[in-house]
Amino acid sequence: MLTLMPNLPDPDGFYDELIRAHSGLSQEQSDAFNARLILTLANHIGDRAVLTAALEAAK
């Protein structure tokens, strides 16, 4: 089951960390970083039904 309610203990801190991770990257590098991050998190989740639900929720 996909969790859509807030679930991060420090969402603002994570957002700041995410923005800093993109600092100094070109648009192409930023896009590649996002793709790697998505695939890393998808691998960690490992549940195809959850990933499919996440894709639908993101649309």
PDB file of N, CA and C in Angstrom:
ATOM      1  N   MET A   1       0.841  -1.185   0.000  1.00  0.00           N
ATOM      2  CA  MET A   1       0.000   0.000   0.000  1.00  0.00           C
ATOM      3  C   MET A   1       0.886   1.248   0.000  1.00  0.00           C
ATOM      4  N   LEU A   2       0.547   2.190  -0.819  1.00  0.00           N
ATOM      5  CA  LEU A   2       1.304   3.430  -0.964  1.00  0.00           C
ATOM      6  C   LEU A   2       0.909   4.413   0.131  1.00  0.00           C
ATOM      7  N   THR A   3       1.888   4.963   0.821  1.00  0.00           N
ATOM      8  CA  THR A   3       1.647   5.967   1.854  1.00  0.00           C
ATOM      9  C   THR A   3       1.640   7.344   1.206  1.00  0.00           C
ATOM     10  N   LEU A   4       0.516   8.030   1.274  1.00  0.00           N
ATOM     11  CA  LEU A   4       0.404   9.368   0.688  1.00  0.00           C
ATOM     12  C   LEU A   4       0.327  10.469   1.746  1.00  0.00           C
ATOM     13  N   MET A   5       0.130  10.091   2.988  1.00  0.00           N
ATOM     14  CA  MET A   5       0.109  11.073   4.072  1.00  0.00           C
ATOM     15  C   MET A   5       1.556  11.432   4.418  1.00  0.00           C
ATOM     16  N   PRO A   6       1.785  12.644   4.937  1.00  0.00           N
ATOM     17  CA  PRO A   6       3.149  13.023   5.323  1.00  0.00           C
ATOM     18  C   PRO A   6       3.769  11.956   6.233  1.00  0.00           C
ATOM     19  N   ASN A   7       5.014  11.579   5.914  1.00  0.00           N
ATOM     20  CA  ASN A   7       5.649  10.465   6.615  1.00  0.00           C
ATOM     21  C   ASN A   7       7.121  10.718   6.923  1.00  0.00           C
ATOM     22  N   LEU A   8       7.621  11.909   6.625  1.00  0.00           N
ATOM     23  CA  LEU A   8       9.017  12.241   6.906  1.00  0.00           C
ATOM     24  C   LEU A   8       9.094  12.994   8.227  1.00  0.00           C
ATOM     25  N   PRO A   9      10.025  12.618   9.108  1.00  0.00           N
ATOM     26  CA  PRO A   9      10.136  13.333  10.376  1.00  0.00           C
ATOM     27  C   PRO A   9      10.619  14.775  10.210  1.00  0.00           C
ATOM     28  N   ASP A  10      11.356  15.059   9.152  1.00  0.00           N
ATOM     29  CA  ASP A  10      11.873  16.410   8.909  1.00  0.00           C
ATOM     30  C   ASP A  10      11.770  16.729   7.421  1.00  0.00           C
ATOM     31  N   PRO A  11      10.549  16.947   6.917  1.00  0.00           N
ATOM     32  CA  PRO A  11      10.394  17.169   5.473  1.00  0.00           C
ATOM     33  C   PRO A  11      11.141  18.394   4.972  1.00  0.00           C
ATOM     34  N   ASP A  12      11.178  19.467   5.754  1.00  0.00           N
ATOM     35  CA  ASP A  12      11.889  20.670   5.308  1.00  0.00           C
ATOM     36  C   ASP A  12      13.390  20.413   5.222  1.00  0.00           C
ATOM     37  N   GLY A  13      13.921  19.665   6.165  1.00  0.00           N
ATOM     38  CA  GLY A  13      15.334  19.320   6.145  1.00  0.00           C
ATOM     39  C   GLY A  13      15.673  18.454   4.943  1.00  0.00           C
ATOM     40  N   PHE A  14      14.794  17.494   4.635  1.00  0.00           N
ATOM     41  CA  PHE A  14      15.027  16.659   3.456  1.00  0.00           C
ATOM     42  C   PHE A  14      14.955  17.487   2.180  1.00  0.00           C
ATOM     43  N   TYR A  15      13.981  18.392   2.099  1.00  0.00           N
ATOM     44  CA  TYR A  15      13.855  19.237   0.916  1.00  0.00           C
ATOM     45  C   TYR A  15      15.127  20.069   0.729  1.00  0.00           C
ATOM     46  N   ASP A  16      15.624  20.662   1.808  1.00  0.00           N
ATOM     47  CA  ASP A  16      16.864  21.445   1.725  1.00  0.00           C
ATOM     48  C   ASP A  16      18.027  20.580   1.245  1.00  0.00           C
ATOM     49  N   GLU A  17      18.121  19.349   1.767  1.00  0.00           N
ATOM     50  CA  GLU A  17      19.185  18.434   1.360  1.00  0.00           C
ATOM     51  C   GLU A  17      19.069  18.086  -0.126  1.00  0.00           C
ATOM     52  N   LEU A  18      17.839  17.869  -0.582  1.00  0.00           N
ATOM     53  CA  LEU A  18      17.599  17.560  -1.989  1.00  0.00           C
ATOM     54  C   LEU A  18      18.003  18.725  -2.882  1.00  0.00           C
ATOM     55  N   ILE A  19      17.629  19.926  -2.499  1.00  0.00           N
ATOM     56  CA  ILE A  19      17.991  21.114  -3.278  1.00  0.00           C
ATOM     57  C   ILE A  19      19.510  21.287  -3.309  1.00  0.00           C
ATOM     58  N   ARG A  20      20.174  21.077  -2.172  1.00  0.00           N
ATOM     59  CA  ARG A  20      21.638  21.191  -2.119  1.00  0.00           C
ATOM     60  C   ARG A  20      22.306  20.144  -3.001  1.00  0.00           C
ATOM     61  N   ALA A  21      21.708  18.972  -3.106  1.00  0.00           N
ATOM     62  CA  ALA A  21      22.278  17.908  -3.942  1.00  0.00           C
ATOM     63  C   ALA A  21      22.297  18.315  -5.417  1.00  0.00           C
ATOM     64  N   HIS A  22      21.413  19.221  -5.797  1.00  0.00           N
ATOM     65  CA  HIS A  22      21.335  19.691  -7.183  1.00  0.00           C
ATOM     66  C   HIS A  22      22.205  20.925  -7.437  1.00  0.00           C
ATOM     67  N   SER A  23      22.747  21.482  -6.370  1.00  0.00           N
ATOM     68  CA  SER A  23      23.531  22.710  -6.476  1.00  0.00           C
ATOM     69  C   SER A  23      24.725  22.513  -7.406  1.00  0.00           C
ATOM     70  N   GLY A  24      24.871  23.417  -8.367  1.00  0.00           N
ATOM     71  CA  GLY A  24      25.993  23.397  -9.289  1.00  0.00           C
ATOM     72  C   GLY A  24      25.846  22.439 -10.462  1.00  0.00           C
ATOM     73  N   LEU A  25      24.717  21.733 -10.518  1.00  0.00           N
ATOM     74  CA  LEU A  25      24.502  20.797 -11.621  1.00  0.00           C
ATOM     75  C   LEU A  25      23.838  21.511 -12.798  1.00  0.00           C
ATOM     76  N   SER A  26      24.190  21.103 -13.989  1.00  0.00           N
ATOM     77  CA  SER A  26      23.481  21.585 -15.177  1.00  0.00           C
ATOM     78  C   SER A  26      22.101  20.919 -15.199  1.00  0.00           C
ATOM     79  N   GLN A  27      21.232  21.372 -16.071  1.00  0.00           N
ATOM     80  CA  GLN A  27      19.901  20.761 -16.181  1.00  0.00           C
ATOM     81  C   GLN A  27      20.028  19.273 -16.527  1.00  0.00           C
ATOM     82  N   GLU A  28      20.927  18.953 -17.441  1.00  0.00           N
ATOM     83  CA  GLU A  28      21.135  17.556 -17.836  1.00  0.00           C
ATOM     84  C   GLU A  28      21.641  16.717 -16.653  1.00  0.00           C
ATOM     85  N   GLN A  29      22.581  17.253 -15.897  1.00  0.00           N
ATOM     86  CA  GLN A  29      23.098  16.543 -14.721  1.00  0.00           C
ATOM     87  C   GLN A  29      22.024  16.394 -13.650  1.00  0.00           C
ATOM     88  N   SER A  30      21.216  17.429 -13.483  1.00  0.00           N
ATOM     89  CA  SER A  30      20.129  17.393 -12.515  1.00  0.00           C
ATOM     90  C   SER A  30      19.097  16.332 -12.889  1.00  0.00           C
ATOM     91  N   ASP A  31      18.759  16.272 -14.161  1.00  0.00           N
ATOM     92  CA  ASP A  31      17.814  15.256 -14.638  1.00  0.00           C
ATOM     93  C   ASP A  31      18.374  13.847 -14.424  1.00  0.00           C
ATOM     94  N   ALA A  32      19.663  13.667 -14.698  1.00  0.00           N
ATOM     95  CA  ALA A  32      20.304  12.362 -14.503  1.00  0.00           C
ATOM     96  C   ALA A  32      20.348  11.999 -13.022  1.00  0.00           C
ATOM     97  N   PHE A  33      20.615  12.978 -12.176  1.00  0.00           N
ATOM     98  CA  PHE A  33      20.600  12.759 -10.725  1.00  0.00           C
ATOM     99  C   PHE A  33      19.220  12.294 -10.284  1.00  0.00           C
ATOM    100  N   ASN A  34      18.179  12.991 -10.755  1.00  0.00           N
ATOM    101  CA  ASN A  34      16.810  12.608 -10.390  1.00  0.00           C
ATOM    102  C   ASN A  34      16.490  11.188 -10.840  1.00  0.00           C
ATOM    103  N   ALA A  35      16.915  10.824 -12.036  1.00  0.00           N
ATOM    104  CA  ALA A  35      16.670   9.470 -12.529  1.00  0.00           C
ATOM    105  C   ALA A  35      17.375   8.436 -11.654  1.00  0.00           C
ATOM    106  N   ARG A  36      18.621   8.703 -11.288  1.00  0.00           N
ATOM    107  CA  ARG A  36      19.351   7.770 -10.421  1.00  0.00           C
ATOM    108  C   ARG A  36      18.696   7.671  -9.047  1.00  0.00           C
ATOM    109  N   LEU A  37      18.249   8.798  -8.515  1.00  0.00           N
ATOM    110  CA  LEU A  37      17.588   8.801  -7.210  1.00  0.00           C
ATOM    111  C   LEU A  37      16.295   7.994  -7.257  1.00  0.00           C
ATOM    112  N   ILE A  38      15.496   8.201  -8.296  1.00  0.00           N
ATOM    113  CA  ILE A  38      14.245   7.454  -8.448  1.00  0.00           C
ATOM    114  C   ILE A  38      14.508   5.958  -8.532  1.00  0.00           C
ATOM    115  N   LEU A  39      15.491   5.566  -9.338  1.00  0.00           N
ATOM    116  CA  LEU A  39      15.785   4.140  -9.479  1.00  0.00           C
ATOM    117  C   LEU A  39      16.345   3.545  -8.196  1.00  0.00           C
ATOM    118  N   THR A  40      17.143   4.308  -7.459  1.00  0.00           N
ATOM    119  CA  THR A  40      17.674   3.845  -6.180  1.00  0.00           C
ATOM    120  C   THR A  40      16.543   3.630  -5.178  1.00  0.00           C
ATOM    121  N   LEU A  41      15.630   4.592  -5.100  1.00  0.00           N
ATOM    122  CA  LEU A  41      14.500   4.465  -4.174  1.00  0.00           C
ATOM    123  C   LEU A  41      13.544   3.362  -4.602  1.00  0.00           C
ATOM    124  N   ALA A  42      13.329   3.212  -5.910  1.00  0.00           N
ATOM    125  CA  ALA A  42      12.469   2.131  -6.408  1.00  0.00           C
ATOM    126  C   ALA A  42      13.062   0.773  -6.039  1.00  0.00           C
ATOM    127  N   ASN A  43      14.374   0.649  -6.171  1.00  0.00           N
ATOM    128  CA  ASN A  43      15.033  -0.599  -5.793  1.00  0.00           C
ATOM    129  C   ASN A  43      14.869  -0.862  -4.301  1.00  0.00           C
ATOM    130  N   HIS A  44      14.982   0.186  -3.497  1.00  0.00           N
ATOM    131  CA  HIS A  44      14.827   0.033  -2.049  1.00  0.00           C
ATOM    132  C   HIS A  44      13.405  -0.394  -1.692  1.00  0.00           C
ATOM    133  N   ILE A  45      12.417   0.209  -2.333  1.00  0.00           N
ATOM    134  CA  ILE A  45      11.015  -0.149  -2.080  1.00  0.00           C
ATOM    135  C   ILE A  45      10.767  -1.588  -2.502  1.00  0.00           C
ATOM    136  N   GLY A  46      11.153  -1.913  -3.722  1.00  0.00           N
ATOM    137  CA  GLY A  46      11.120  -3.281  -4.198  1.00  0.00           C
ATOM    138  C   GLY A  46       9.753  -3.908  -4.406  1.00  0.00           C
ATOM    139  N   ASP A  47       8.696  -3.192  -4.183  1.00  0.00           N
ATOM    140  CA  ASP A  47       7.337  -3.732  -4.327  1.00  0.00           C
ATOM    141  C   ASP A  47       6.714  -3.120  -5.575  1.00  0.00           C
ATOM    142  N   ARG A  48       6.539  -3.944  -6.598  1.00  0.00           N
ATOM    143  CA  ARG A  48       6.068  -3.446  -7.888  1.00  0.00           C
ATOM    144  C   ARG A  48       4.698  -2.783  -7.791  1.00  0.00           C
ATOM    145  N   ALA A  49       3.801  -3.325  -6.966  1.00  0.00           N
ATOM    146  CA  ALA A  49       2.465  -2.728  -6.819  1.00  0.00           C
ATOM    147  C   ALA A  49       2.557  -1.331  -6.206  1.00  0.00           C
ATOM    148  N   VAL A  50       3.429  -1.154  -5.230  1.00  0.00           N
ATOM    149  CA  VAL A  50       3.620   0.163  -4.613  1.00  0.00           C
ATOM    150  C   VAL A  50       4.205   1.124  -5.637  1.00  0.00           C
ATOM    151  N   LEU A  51       5.178   0.658  -6.411  1.00  0.00           N
ATOM    152  CA  LEU A  51       5.781   1.513  -7.429  1.00  0.00           C
ATOM    153  C   LEU A  51       4.766   1.918  -8.504  1.00  0.00           C
ATOM    154  N   THR A  52       3.923   0.998  -8.912  1.00  0.00           N
ATOM    155  CA  THR A  52       2.874   1.309  -9.896  1.00  0.00           C
ATOM    156  C   THR A  52       1.907   2.329  -9.320  1.00  0.00           C
ATOM    157  N   ALA A  53       1.538   2.171  -8.059  1.00  0.00           N
ATOM    158  CA  ALA A  53       0.637   3.136  -7.406  1.00  0.00           C
ATOM    159  C   ALA A  53       1.303   4.510  -7.320  1.00  0.00           C
ATOM    160  N   ALA A  54       2.603   4.529  -7.061  1.00  0.00           N
ATOM    161  CA  ALA A  54       3.329   5.802  -6.996  1.00  0.00           C
ATOM    162  C   ALA A  54       3.370   6.491  -8.353  1.00  0.00           C
ATOM    163  N   LEU A  55       3.570   5.725  -9.402  1.00  0.00           N
ATOM    164  CA  LEU A  55       3.549   6.297 -10.750  1.00  0.00           C
ATOM    165  C   LEU A  55       2.192   6.916 -11.055  1.00  0.00           C
ATOM    166  N   GLU A  56       1.138   6.216 -10.702  1.00  0.00           N
ATOM    167  CA  GLU A  56      -0.214   6.737 -10.940  1.00  0.00           C
ATOM    168  C   GLU A  56      -0.478   7.992 -10.092  1.00  0.00           C
ATOM    169  N   ALA A  57      -0.038   7.979  -8.843  1.00  0.00           N
ATOM    170  CA  ALA A  57      -0.256   9.137  -7.963  1.00  0.00           C
ATOM    171  C   ALA A  57       0.504  10.354  -8.462  1.00  0.00           C
ATOM    172  N   ALA A  58       1.665  10.135  -9.049  1.00  0.00           N
ATOM    173  CA  ALA A  58       2.484  11.243  -9.536  1.00  0.00           C
ATOM    174  C   ALA A  58       1.921  11.876 -10.812  1.00  0.00           C
ATOM    175  N   LYS A  59       1.085  11.126 -11.528  1.00  0.00           N
ATOM    176  CA  LYS A  59       0.502  11.687 -12.757  1.00  0.00           C
ATOM    177  C   LYS A  59      -0.439  12.799 -12.395  1.00  0.00           C
TER     178      LYS A  59
END
